[in-house]
Amino acid sequence: MKVGVGDLVEFKYSSVSIRKGALGLVLNKEFQKTMEPGRPRAYFLYHIQTLDGRVRRFDQSYLKKVTPGLYST
């Protein structure tokens, strides 16, 4: 599933100060190009605001789009 601006996402993996399964909101999407061997030539970095208010950048491999209604009470 493609992730877009305004989507609620869940983290697939743990990272620095973020636990697996934490939620965040996609604020912005930034296109990146690299010339490093062994890495994809172009990819997107997503600016994610977590529930603690911080904004962090991750690529698509760390994110899973949350289906609406899944977390409703």
PDB file of N, CA and C in Angstrom:
ATOM      1  N   MET A   1       0.840  -1.183   0.000  1.00  0.00           N
ATOM      2  CA  MET A   1       0.000   0.000   0.000  1.00  0.00           C
ATOM      3  C   MET A   1       0.886   1.248   0.000  1.00  0.00           C
ATOM      4  N   LYS A   2       0.614   2.176  -0.877  1.00  0.00           N
ATOM      5  CA  LYS A   2       1.399   3.411  -0.960  1.00  0.00           C
ATOM      6  C   LYS A   2       1.052   4.335   0.202  1.00  0.00           C
ATOM      7  N   VAL A   3       2.068   5.007   0.707  1.00  0.00           N
ATOM      8  CA  VAL A   3       1.907   5.958   1.796  1.00  0.00           C
ATOM      9  C   VAL A   3       1.914   7.361   1.200  1.00  0.00           C
ATOM     10  N   GLY A   4       0.979   8.197   1.627  1.00  0.00           N
ATOM     11  CA  GLY A   4       0.897   9.566   1.135  1.00  0.00           C
ATOM     12  C   GLY A   4       0.832  10.567   2.272  1.00  0.00           C
ATOM     13  N   VAL A   5       0.896  11.834   1.924  1.00  0.00           N
ATOM     14  CA  VAL A   5       0.828  12.912   2.912  1.00  0.00           C
ATOM     15  C   VAL A   5      -0.541  12.882   3.586  1.00  0.00           C
ATOM     16  N   GLY A   6      -0.555  12.965   4.911  1.00  0.00           N
ATOM     17  CA  GLY A   6      -1.794  12.951   5.676  1.00  0.00           C
ATOM     18  C   GLY A   6      -2.206  11.570   6.159  1.00  0.00           C
ATOM     19  N   ASP A   7      -1.472  10.529   5.783  1.00  0.00           N
ATOM     20  CA  ASP A   7      -1.809   9.164   6.193  1.00  0.00           C
ATOM     21  C   ASP A   7      -1.298   8.869   7.593  1.00  0.00           C
ATOM     22  N   LEU A   8      -2.035   8.033   8.302  1.00  0.00           N
ATOM     23  CA  LEU A   8      -1.599   7.510   9.589  1.00  0.00           C
ATOM     24  C   LEU A   8      -0.791   6.251   9.314  1.00  0.00           C
ATOM     25  N   VAL A   9       0.409   6.164   9.884  1.00  0.00           N
ATOM     26  CA  VAL A   9       1.292   5.031   9.628  1.00  0.00           C
ATOM     27  C   VAL A   9       1.722   4.374  10.939  1.00  0.00           C
ATOM     28  N   GLU A  10       2.101   3.109  10.816  1.00  0.00           N
ATOM     29  CA  GLU A  10       2.631   2.336  11.930  1.00  0.00           C
ATOM     30  C   GLU A  10       4.052   1.943  11.576  1.00  0.00           C
ATOM     31  N   PHE A  11       4.956   1.952  12.558  1.00  0.00           N
ATOM     32  CA  PHE A  11       6.350   1.592  12.319  1.00  0.00           C
ATOM     33  C   PHE A  11       6.509   0.077  12.368  1.00  0.00           C
ATOM     34  N   LYS A  12       7.123  -0.490  11.325  1.00  0.00           N
ATOM     35  CA  LYS A  12       7.346  -1.930  11.236  1.00  0.00           C
ATOM     36  C   LYS A  12       8.505  -2.377  12.124  1.00  0.00           C
ATOM     37  N   TYR A  13       9.494  -1.498  12.299  1.00  0.00           N
ATOM     38  CA  TYR A  13      10.712  -1.828  13.031  1.00  0.00           C
ATOM     39  C   TYR A  13      10.985  -0.766  14.089  1.00  0.00           C
ATOM     40  N   SER A  14      11.743  -1.146  15.097  1.00  0.00           N
ATOM     41  CA  SER A  14      12.174  -0.185  16.114  1.00  0.00           C
ATOM     42  C   SER A  14      13.311   0.660  15.568  1.00  0.00           C
ATOM     43  N   SER A  15      13.412   1.872  16.069  1.00  0.00           N
ATOM     44  CA  SER A  15      14.491   2.778  15.708  1.00  0.00           C
ATOM     45  C   SER A  15      14.842   3.564  16.962  1.00  0.00           C
ATOM     46  N   VAL A  16      15.728   4.532  16.833  1.00  0.00           N
ATOM     47  CA  VAL A  16      16.140   5.325  17.985  1.00  0.00           C
ATOM     48  C   VAL A  16      14.922   6.054  18.541  1.00  0.00           C
ATOM     49  N   SER A  17      14.579   5.778  19.770  1.00  0.00           N
ATOM     50  CA  SER A  17      13.467   6.366  20.537  1.00  0.00           C
ATOM     51  C   SER A  17      12.087   6.108  19.920  1.00  0.00           C
ATOM     52  N   ILE A  18      11.970   5.134  19.008  1.00  0.00           N
ATOM     53  CA  ILE A  18      10.668   4.737  18.457  1.00  0.00           C
ATOM     54  C   ILE A  18      10.546   3.229  18.572  1.00  0.00           C
ATOM     55  N   ARG A  19       9.461   2.768  19.156  1.00  0.00           N
ATOM     56  CA  ARG A  19       9.279   1.330  19.284  1.00  0.00           C
ATOM     57  C   ARG A  19       8.454   0.791  18.120  1.00  0.00           C
ATOM     58  N   LYS A  20       8.618  -0.474  17.884  1.00  0.00           N
ATOM     59  CA  LYS A  20       7.856  -1.137  16.833  1.00  0.00           C
ATOM     60  C   LYS A  20       6.367  -1.029  17.160  1.00  0.00           C
ATOM     61  N   GLY A  21       5.537  -0.687  16.183  1.00  0.00           N
ATOM     62  CA  GLY A  21       4.098  -0.565  16.393  1.00  0.00           C
ATOM     63  C   GLY A  21       3.637   0.828  16.755  1.00  0.00           C
ATOM     64  N   ALA A  22       4.578   1.773  16.960  1.00  0.00           N
ATOM     65  CA  ALA A  22       4.193   3.152  17.274  1.00  0.00           C
ATOM     66  C   ALA A  22       3.519   3.786  16.058  1.00  0.00           C
ATOM     67  N   LEU A  23       2.670   4.780  16.309  1.00  0.00           N
ATOM     68  CA  LEU A  23       1.937   5.450  15.242  1.00  0.00           C
ATOM     69  C   LEU A  23       2.506   6.835  14.960  1.00  0.00           C
ATOM     70  N   GLY A  24       2.299   7.301  13.728  1.00  0.00           N
ATOM     71  CA  GLY A  24       2.731   8.633  13.342  1.00  0.00           C
ATOM     72  C   GLY A  24       1.910   9.133  12.170  1.00  0.00           C
ATOM     73  N   LEU A  25       2.037  10.416  11.886  1.00  0.00           N
ATOM     74  CA  LEU A  25       1.304  11.070  10.805  1.00  0.00           C
ATOM     75  C   LEU A  25       2.302  11.580   9.763  1.00  0.00           C
ATOM     76  N   VAL A  26       2.051  11.287   8.485  1.00  0.00           N
ATOM     77  CA  VAL A  26       2.935  11.718   7.404  1.00  0.00           C
ATOM     78  C   VAL A  26       2.682  13.193   7.129  1.00  0.00           C
ATOM     79  N   LEU A  27       3.721  14.019   7.284  1.00  0.00           N
ATOM     80  CA  LEU A  27       3.611  15.456   7.059  1.00  0.00           C
ATOM     81  C   LEU A  27       4.084  15.867   5.676  1.00  0.00           C
ATOM     82  N   ASN A  28       5.132  15.213   5.181  1.00  0.00           N
ATOM     83  CA  ASN A  28       5.744  15.627   3.936  1.00  0.00           C
ATOM     84  C   ASN A  28       6.449  14.435   3.306  1.00  0.00           C
ATOM     85  N   LYS A  29       6.640  14.493   1.991  1.00  0.00           N
ATOM     86  CA  LYS A  29       7.340  13.443   1.256  1.00  0.00           C
ATOM     87  C   LYS A  29       8.437  14.116   0.437  1.00  0.00           C
ATOM     88  N   GLU A  30       9.666  13.629   0.579  1.00  0.00           N
ATOM     89  CA  GLU A  30      10.826  14.265  -0.051  1.00  0.00           C
ATOM     90  C   GLU A  30      11.533  13.262  -0.965  1.00  0.00           C
ATOM     91  N   PHE A  31      11.787  13.649  -2.213  1.00  0.00           N
ATOM     92  CA  PHE A  31      12.443  12.781  -3.189  1.00  0.00           C
ATOM     93  C   PHE A  31      13.950  12.837  -2.989  1.00  0.00           C
ATOM     94  N   GLN A  32      14.593  11.674  -2.937  1.00  0.00           N
ATOM     95  CA  GLN A  32      16.040  11.590  -2.747  1.00  0.00           C
ATOM     96  C   GLN A  32      16.675  10.826  -3.901  1.00  0.00           C
ATOM     97  N   LYS A  33      17.815  11.307  -4.381  1.00  0.00           N
ATOM     98  CA  LYS A  33      18.601  10.591  -5.378  1.00  0.00           C
ATOM     99  C   LYS A  33      19.974  10.318  -4.780  1.00  0.00           C
ATOM    100  N   THR A  34      20.526   9.144  -5.077  1.00  0.00           N
ATOM    101  CA  THR A  34      21.842   8.791  -4.557  1.00  0.00           C
ATOM    102  C   THR A  34      22.686   8.168  -5.661  1.00  0.00           C
ATOM    103  N   MET A  35      23.980   8.282  -5.517  1.00  0.00           N
ATOM    104  CA  MET A  35      24.911   7.672  -6.466  1.00  0.00           C
ATOM    105  C   MET A  35      25.721   6.574  -5.784  1.00  0.00           C
ATOM    106  N   GLU A  36      25.349   6.195  -4.577  1.00  0.00           N
ATOM    107  CA  GLU A  36      26.089   5.176  -3.845  1.00  0.00           C
ATOM    108  C   GLU A  36      25.843   3.803  -4.466  1.00  0.00           C
ATOM    109  N   PRO A  37      26.891   3.015  -4.665  1.00  0.00           N
ATOM    110  CA  PRO A  37      26.693   1.669  -5.216  1.00  0.00           C
ATOM    111  C   PRO A  37      25.959   0.774  -4.217  1.00  0.00           C
ATOM    112  N   GLY A  38      25.041  -0.044  -4.714  1.00  0.00           N
ATOM    113  CA  GLY A  38      24.312  -0.970  -3.857  1.00  0.00           C
ATOM    114  C   GLY A  38      23.042  -0.409  -3.258  1.00  0.00           C
ATOM    115  N   ARG A  39      22.789   0.855  -3.427  1.00  0.00           N
ATOM    116  CA  ARG A  39      21.563   1.479  -2.907  1.00  0.00           C
ATOM    117  C   ARG A  39      20.651   1.809  -4.072  1.00  0.00           C
ATOM    118  N   PRO A  40      19.357   1.908  -3.819  1.00  0.00           N
ATOM    119  CA  PRO A  40      18.457   2.331  -4.894  1.00  0.00           C
ATOM    120  C   PRO A  40      18.850   3.728  -5.395  1.00  0.00           C
ATOM    121  N   ARG A  41      18.677   3.967  -6.675  1.00  0.00           N
ATOM    122  CA  ARG A  41      19.077   5.263  -7.244  1.00  0.00           C
ATOM    123  C   ARG A  41      18.166   6.392  -6.810  1.00  0.00           C
ATOM    124  N   ALA A  42      16.899   6.091  -6.571  1.00  0.00           N
ATOM    125  CA  ALA A  42      15.950   7.134  -6.150  1.00  0.00           C
ATOM    126  C   ALA A  42      14.934   6.525  -5.195  1.00  0.00           C
ATOM    127  N   TYR A  43      14.581   7.271  -4.176  1.00  0.00           N
ATOM    128  CA  TYR A  43      13.599   6.818  -3.186  1.00  0.00           C
ATOM    129  C   TYR A  43      12.991   8.039  -2.507  1.00  0.00           C
ATOM    130  N   PHE A  44      11.949   7.814  -1.735  1.00  0.00           N
ATOM    131  CA  PHE A  44      11.287   8.891  -0.997  1.00  0.00           C
ATOM    132  C   PHE A  44      11.605   8.791   0.483  1.00  0.00           C
ATOM    133  N   LEU A  45      11.810   9.940   1.116  1.00  0.00           N
ATOM    134  CA  LEU A  45      11.897  10.034   2.570  1.00  0.00           C
ATOM    135  C   LEU A  45      10.609  10.688   3.051  1.00  0.00           C
ATOM    136  N   TYR A  46      10.007  10.114   4.068  1.00  0.00           N
ATOM    137  CA  TYR A  46       8.758  10.626   4.617  1.00  0.00           C
ATOM    138  C   TYR A  46       9.038  11.306   5.944  1.00  0.00           C
ATOM    139  N   HIS A  47       8.527  12.519   6.122  1.00  0.00           N
ATOM    140  CA  HIS A  47       8.628  13.246   7.383  1.00  0.00           C
ATOM    141  C   HIS A  47       7.429  12.818   8.231  1.00  0.00           C
ATOM    142  N   ILE A  48       7.710  12.135   9.340  1.00  0.00           N
ATOM    143  CA  ILE A  48       6.666  11.561  10.191  1.00  0.00           C
ATOM    144  C   ILE A  48       6.647  12.284  11.529  1.00  0.00           C
ATOM    145  N   GLN A  49       5.459  12.752  11.932  1.00  0.00           N
ATOM    146  CA  GLN A  49       5.310  13.325  13.264  1.00  0.00           C
ATOM    147  C   GLN A  49       4.735  12.243  14.164  1.00  0.00           C
ATOM    148  N   THR A  50       5.489  11.885  15.210  1.00  0.00           N
ATOM    149  CA  THR A  50       5.061  10.853  16.146  1.00  0.00           C
ATOM    150  C   THR A  50       4.193  11.467  17.237  1.00  0.00           C
ATOM    151  N   LEU A  51       3.636  10.627  18.070  1.00  0.00           N
ATOM    152  CA  LEU A  51       2.719  11.100  19.103  1.00  0.00           C
ATOM    153  C   LEU A  51       3.392  11.951  20.174  1.00  0.00           C
ATOM    154  N   ASP A  52       4.730  11.879  20.279  1.00  0.00           N
ATOM    155  CA  ASP A  52       5.432  12.741  21.238  1.00  0.00           C
ATOM    156  C   ASP A  52       5.723  14.127  20.657  1.00  0.00           C
ATOM    157  N   GLY A  53       5.292  14.380  19.398  1.00  0.00           N
ATOM    158  CA  GLY A  53       5.427  15.696  18.794  1.00  0.00           C
ATOM    159  C   GLY A  53       6.674  15.900  17.958  1.00  0.00           C
ATOM    160  N   ARG A  54       7.592  14.942  17.958  1.00  0.00           N
ATOM    161  CA  ARG A  54       8.819  15.078  17.179  1.00  0.00           C
ATOM    162  C   ARG A  54       8.579  14.692  15.726  1.00  0.00           C
ATOM    163  N   VAL A  55       9.352  15.289  14.833  1.00  0.00           N
ATOM    164  CA  VAL A  55       9.293  14.964  13.405  1.00  0.00           C
ATOM    165  C   VAL A  55      10.573  14.238  13.034  1.00  0.00           C
ATOM    166  N   ARG A  56      10.411  13.058  12.433  1.00  0.00           N
ATOM    167  CA  ARG A  56      11.555  12.250  12.016  1.00  0.00           C
ATOM    168  C   ARG A  56      11.385  11.831  10.576  1.00  0.00           C
ATOM    169  N   ARG A  57      12.499  11.443   9.919  1.00  0.00           N
ATOM    170  CA  ARG A  57      12.453  11.051   8.509  1.00  0.00           C
ATOM    171  C   ARG A  57      12.739   9.554   8.374  1.00  0.00           C
ATOM    172  N   PHE A  58      11.897   8.869   7.601  1.00  0.00           N
ATOM    173  CA  PHE A  58      12.058   7.448   7.343  1.00  0.00           C
ATOM    174  C   PHE A  58      11.743   7.149   5.894  1.00  0.00           C
ATOM    175  N   ASP A  59      12.274   6.031   5.390  1.00  0.00           N
ATOM    176  CA  ASP A  59      11.895   5.607   4.049  1.00  0.00           C
ATOM    177  C   ASP A  59      10.734   4.615   4.142  1.00  0.00           C
ATOM    178  N   GLN A  60      10.204   4.225   2.983  1.00  0.00           N
ATOM    179  CA  GLN A  60       9.002   3.394   2.890  1.00  0.00           C
ATOM    180  C   GLN A  60       9.150   2.055   3.615  1.00  0.00           C
ATOM    181  N   SER A  61      10.366   1.506   3.685  1.00  0.00           N
ATOM    182  CA  SER A  61      10.556   0.181   4.270  1.00  0.00           C
ATOM    183  C   SER A  61      10.220   0.140   5.766  1.00  0.00           C
ATOM    184  N   TYR A  62      10.254   1.272   6.458  1.00  0.00           N
ATOM    185  CA  TYR A  62       9.955   1.317   7.888  1.00  0.00           C
ATOM    186  C   TYR A  62       8.471   1.520   8.188  1.00  0.00           C
ATOM    187  N   LEU A  63       7.665   1.841   7.173  1.00  0.00           N
ATOM    188  CA  LEU A  63       6.303   2.293   7.400  1.00  0.00           C
ATOM    189  C   LEU A  63       5.261   1.320   6.864  1.00  0.00           C
ATOM    190  N   LYS A  64       4.139   1.253   7.578  1.00  0.00           N
ATOM    191  CA  LYS A  64       2.978   0.494   7.135  1.00  0.00           C
ATOM    192  C   LYS A  64       1.751   1.375   7.326  1.00  0.00           C
ATOM    193  N   LYS A  65       0.984   1.572   6.255  1.00  0.00           N
ATOM    194  CA  LYS A  65      -0.194   2.425   6.316  1.00  0.00           C
ATOM    195  C   LYS A  65      -1.245   1.761   7.198  1.00  0.00           C
ATOM    196  N   VAL A  66      -1.859   2.553   8.079  1.00  0.00           N
ATOM    197  CA  VAL A  66      -2.894   2.055   8.977  1.00  0.00           C
ATOM    198  C   VAL A  66      -4.237   2.154   8.297  1.00  0.00           C
ATOM    199  N   THR A  67      -5.001   1.072   8.320  1.00  0.00           N
ATOM    200  CA  THR A  67      -6.331   1.043   7.732  1.00  0.00           C
ATOM    201  C   THR A  67      -7.316   1.762   8.657  1.00  0.00           C
ATOM    202  N   PRO A  68      -8.091   2.712   8.141  1.00  0.00           N
ATOM    203  CA  PRO A  68      -9.074   3.422   8.992  1.00  0.00           C
ATOM    204  C   PRO A  68     -10.078   2.422   9.590  1.00  0.00           C
ATOM    205  N   GLY A  69     -10.425   2.654  10.833  1.00  0.00           N
ATOM    206  CA  GLY A  69     -11.384   1.787  11.501  1.00  0.00           C
ATOM    207  C   GLY A  69     -10.723   0.661  12.268  1.00  0.00           C
ATOM    208  N   LEU A  70      -9.469   0.380  12.005  1.00  0.00           N
ATOM    209  CA  LEU A  70      -8.804  -0.701  12.684  1.00  0.00           C
ATOM    210  C   LEU A  70      -8.582  -0.394  14.159  1.00  0.00           C
ATOM    211  N   TYR A  71      -8.324   0.867  14.481  1.00  0.00           N
ATOM    212  CA  TYR A  71      -8.022   1.256  15.848  1.00  0.00           C
ATOM    213  C   TYR A  71      -9.172   1.977  16.524  1.00  0.00           C
ATOM    214  N   SER A  72     -10.350   1.971  15.916  1.00  0.00           N
ATOM    215  CA  SER A  72     -11.467   2.695  16.523  1.00  0.00           C
ATOM    216  C   SER A  72     -12.007   1.939  17.730  1.00  0.00           C
ATOM    217  N   THR A  73     -12.628   2.682  18.639  1.00  0.00           N
ATOM    218  CA  THR A  73     -13.163   2.046  19.849  1.00  0.00           C
ATOM    219  C   THR A  73     -14.664   2.038  19.827  1.00  0.00           C
TER     220      THR A  73
END
